[in-house]
C-alpha atoms as a PDB file:
ATOM      1  CA  MET A   1      25.357  19.783   4.568  1.00  0.00           C
ATOM      2  CA  ASN A   2      22.103  21.448   3.565  1.00  0.00           C
ATOM      3  CA  SER A   3      19.047  20.289   5.570  1.00  0.00           C
ATOM      4  CA  LYS A   4      16.710  21.299   2.727  1.00  0.00           C
ATOM      5  CA  ALA A   5      18.364  18.755   0.442  1.00  0.00           C
ATOM      6  CA  LEU A   6      17.767  16.028   3.014  1.00  0.00           C
ATOM      7  CA  SER A   7      14.080  16.802   3.360  1.00  0.00           C
ATOM      8  CA  CYS A   8      13.585  16.651  -0.402  1.00  0.00           C
ATOM      9  CA  THR A   9      14.755  13.044  -0.607  1.00  0.00           C
ATOM     10  CA  ASN A  10      11.720  11.840   1.373  1.00  0.00           C
ATOM     11  CA  PRO A  11       8.749  14.133   0.675  1.00  0.00           C
ATOM     12  CA  SER A  12       6.328  12.119   2.813  1.00  0.00           C
ATOM     13  CA  PRO A  13       6.686  12.172   6.597  1.00  0.00           C
ATOM     14  CA  LEU A  14       4.991   8.761   6.648  1.00  0.00           C
ATOM     15  CA  SER A  15       6.891   5.505   6.492  1.00  0.00           C
ATOM     16  CA  ARG A  16       6.449   3.080   3.598  1.00  0.00           C
ATOM     17  CA  ARG A  17       4.504   0.808   5.982  1.00  0.00           C
ATOM     18  CA  HIS A  18       2.071   3.573   6.906  1.00  0.00           C
ATOM     19  CA  ARG A  19       1.596   4.613   3.274  1.00  0.00           C
ATOM     20  CA  ALA A  20       0.908   0.958   2.364  1.00  0.00           C
ATOM     21  CA  LEU A  21      -1.648   0.645   5.171  1.00  0.00           C
ATOM     22  CA  ILE A  22      -3.422   3.793   3.970  1.00  0.00           C
ATOM     23  CA  ALA A  23      -3.446   2.413   0.428  1.00  0.00           C
ATOM     24  CA  LEU A  24      -4.903  -0.896   1.647  1.00  0.00           C
ATOM     25  CA  TYR A  25      -7.709   0.926   3.481  1.00  0.00           C
ATOM     26  CA  SER A  26      -8.412   2.939   0.325  1.00  0.00           C
ATOM     27  CA  LEU A  27      -8.486  -0.203  -1.798  1.00  0.00           C
ATOM     28  CA  ALA A  28     -10.873  -1.892   0.619  1.00  0.00           C
ATOM     29  CA  SER A  29     -13.298   1.010   0.298  1.00  0.00           C
ATOM     30  CA  ASN A  30     -13.083   0.988  -3.520  1.00  0.00           C
ATOM     31  CA  ALA A  31     -12.636   4.749  -3.328  1.00  0.00           C
ATOM     32  CA  GLN A  32     -10.469   5.130  -6.437  1.00  0.00           C
ATOM     33  CA  ASP A  33      -8.696   3.291  -9.184  1.00  0.00           C
ATOM     34  CA  ARG A  34      -6.040   0.884  -7.863  1.00  0.00           C
ATOM     35  CA  LEU A  35      -3.186   2.405  -9.872  1.00  0.00           C
ATOM     36  CA  GLU A  36      -4.182   5.887  -8.721  1.00  0.00           C
ATOM     37  CA  ILE A  37      -4.167   4.765  -5.078  1.00  0.00           C
ATOM     38  CA  LEU A  38      -0.704   3.262  -5.526  1.00  0.00           C
ATOM     39  CA  ARG A  39       0.553   6.438  -7.177  1.00  0.00           C
ATOM     40  CA  LEU A  40      -0.929   8.806  -4.606  1.00  0.00           C
ATOM     41  CA  ASN A  41       0.511   6.811  -1.706  1.00  0.00           C
ATOM     42  CA  GLU A  42       3.848   6.187  -3.418  1.00  0.00           C
ATOM     43  CA  VAL A  43       3.699   2.425  -2.846  1.00  0.00           C
ATOM     44  CA  THR A  44       3.993  -0.656  -5.040  1.00  0.00           C
ATOM     45  CA  GLU A  45       2.131  -3.951  -5.245  1.00  0.00           C
ATOM     46  CA  GLU A  46       5.085  -5.488  -3.411  1.00  0.00           C
ATOM     47  CA  ASP A  47       4.600  -2.989  -0.575  1.00  0.00           C
ATOM     48  CA  LEU A  48       0.933  -3.967  -0.338  1.00  0.00           C
ATOM     49  CA  ASN A  49       1.823  -7.651  -0.249  1.00  0.00           C
ATOM     50  CA  GLU A  50       4.409  -7.069   2.463  1.00  0.00           C
ATOM     51  CA  PHE A  51       2.034  -5.219   4.792  1.00  0.00           C
ATOM     52  CA  GLU A  52      -1.331  -6.807   3.955  1.00  0.00           C
ATOM     53  CA  GLU A  53      -1.218  -9.325   6.798  1.00  0.00           C
ATOM     54  CA  SER A  54      -0.563  -6.644   9.425  1.00  0.00           C
ATOM     55  CA  TRP A  55      -3.339  -4.519   7.873  1.00  0.00           C
ATOM     56  CA  ARG A  56      -5.764  -7.440   8.173  1.00  0.00           C
ATOM     57  CA  VAL A  57      -4.845  -7.863  11.835  1.00  0.00           C
ATOM     58  CA  LEU A  58      -5.349  -4.123  12.447  1.00  0.00           C
ATOM     59  CA  CYS A  59      -8.814  -4.084  10.942  1.00  0.00           C
ATOM     60  CA  GLY A  60      -9.857  -7.520  12.223  1.00  0.00           C
ATOM     61  CA  ARG A  61     -10.160  -9.172   8.820  1.00  0.00           C
ATOM     62  CA  PRO A  62      -9.639 -12.904   8.320  1.00  0.00           C
ATOM     63  CA  LEU A  63      -6.188 -14.006   7.154  1.00  0.00           C
ATOM     64  CA  HIS A  64      -7.657 -16.746   4.976  1.00  0.00           C
ATOM     65  CA  PRO A  65      -6.255 -16.635   1.392  1.00  0.00           C
ATOM     66  CA  ASN A  66      -9.760 -16.553  -0.102  1.00  0.00           C
ATOM     67  CA  TYR A  67     -10.214 -13.075   1.383  1.00  0.00           C
ATOM     68  CA  LEU A  68      -7.242 -11.422  -0.298  1.00  0.00           C
ATOM     69  CA  LEU A  69      -7.812  -8.084  -1.979  1.00  0.00           C
ATOM     70  CA  PRO A  70      -8.125  -8.215  -5.763  1.00  0.00           C
ATOM     71  CA  ARG A  71      -4.770  -8.114  -7.510  1.00  0.00           C
ATOM     72  CA  LEU A  72      -3.616  -6.539 -10.722  1.00  0.00           C
ATOM     73  CA  PRO A  73      -2.734  -9.098 -13.382  1.00  0.00           C
ATOM     74  CA  THR A  74       0.994  -9.686 -13.686  1.00  0.00           C
ATOM     75  CA  ALA A  75       3.130 -11.516 -16.205  1.00  0.00           C
ATOM     76  CA  ASP A  76       3.757 -14.425 -13.831  1.00  0.00           C
ATOM     77  CA  ARG A  77       0.037 -14.900 -13.018  1.00  0.00           C
ATOM     78  CA  ASP A  78      -2.656 -16.019 -15.438  1.00  0.00           C
END
């Protein structure tokens, strides 16, 4: 088996969780466009949703639903 082929399947040394946390910090700072942040960190909205609570705990933000980060409109939301 070729070790180079294995390293190409996962170009980022960071886990999906870590990439999502980085994206959440970037979104909180309004540094860039949301879609660009998702693309650069190779995460999805679902990834953000999955790790948002742990991100809030890490940065000491309230877990109250009124404090959620802005979301992109989706077909199932109005």
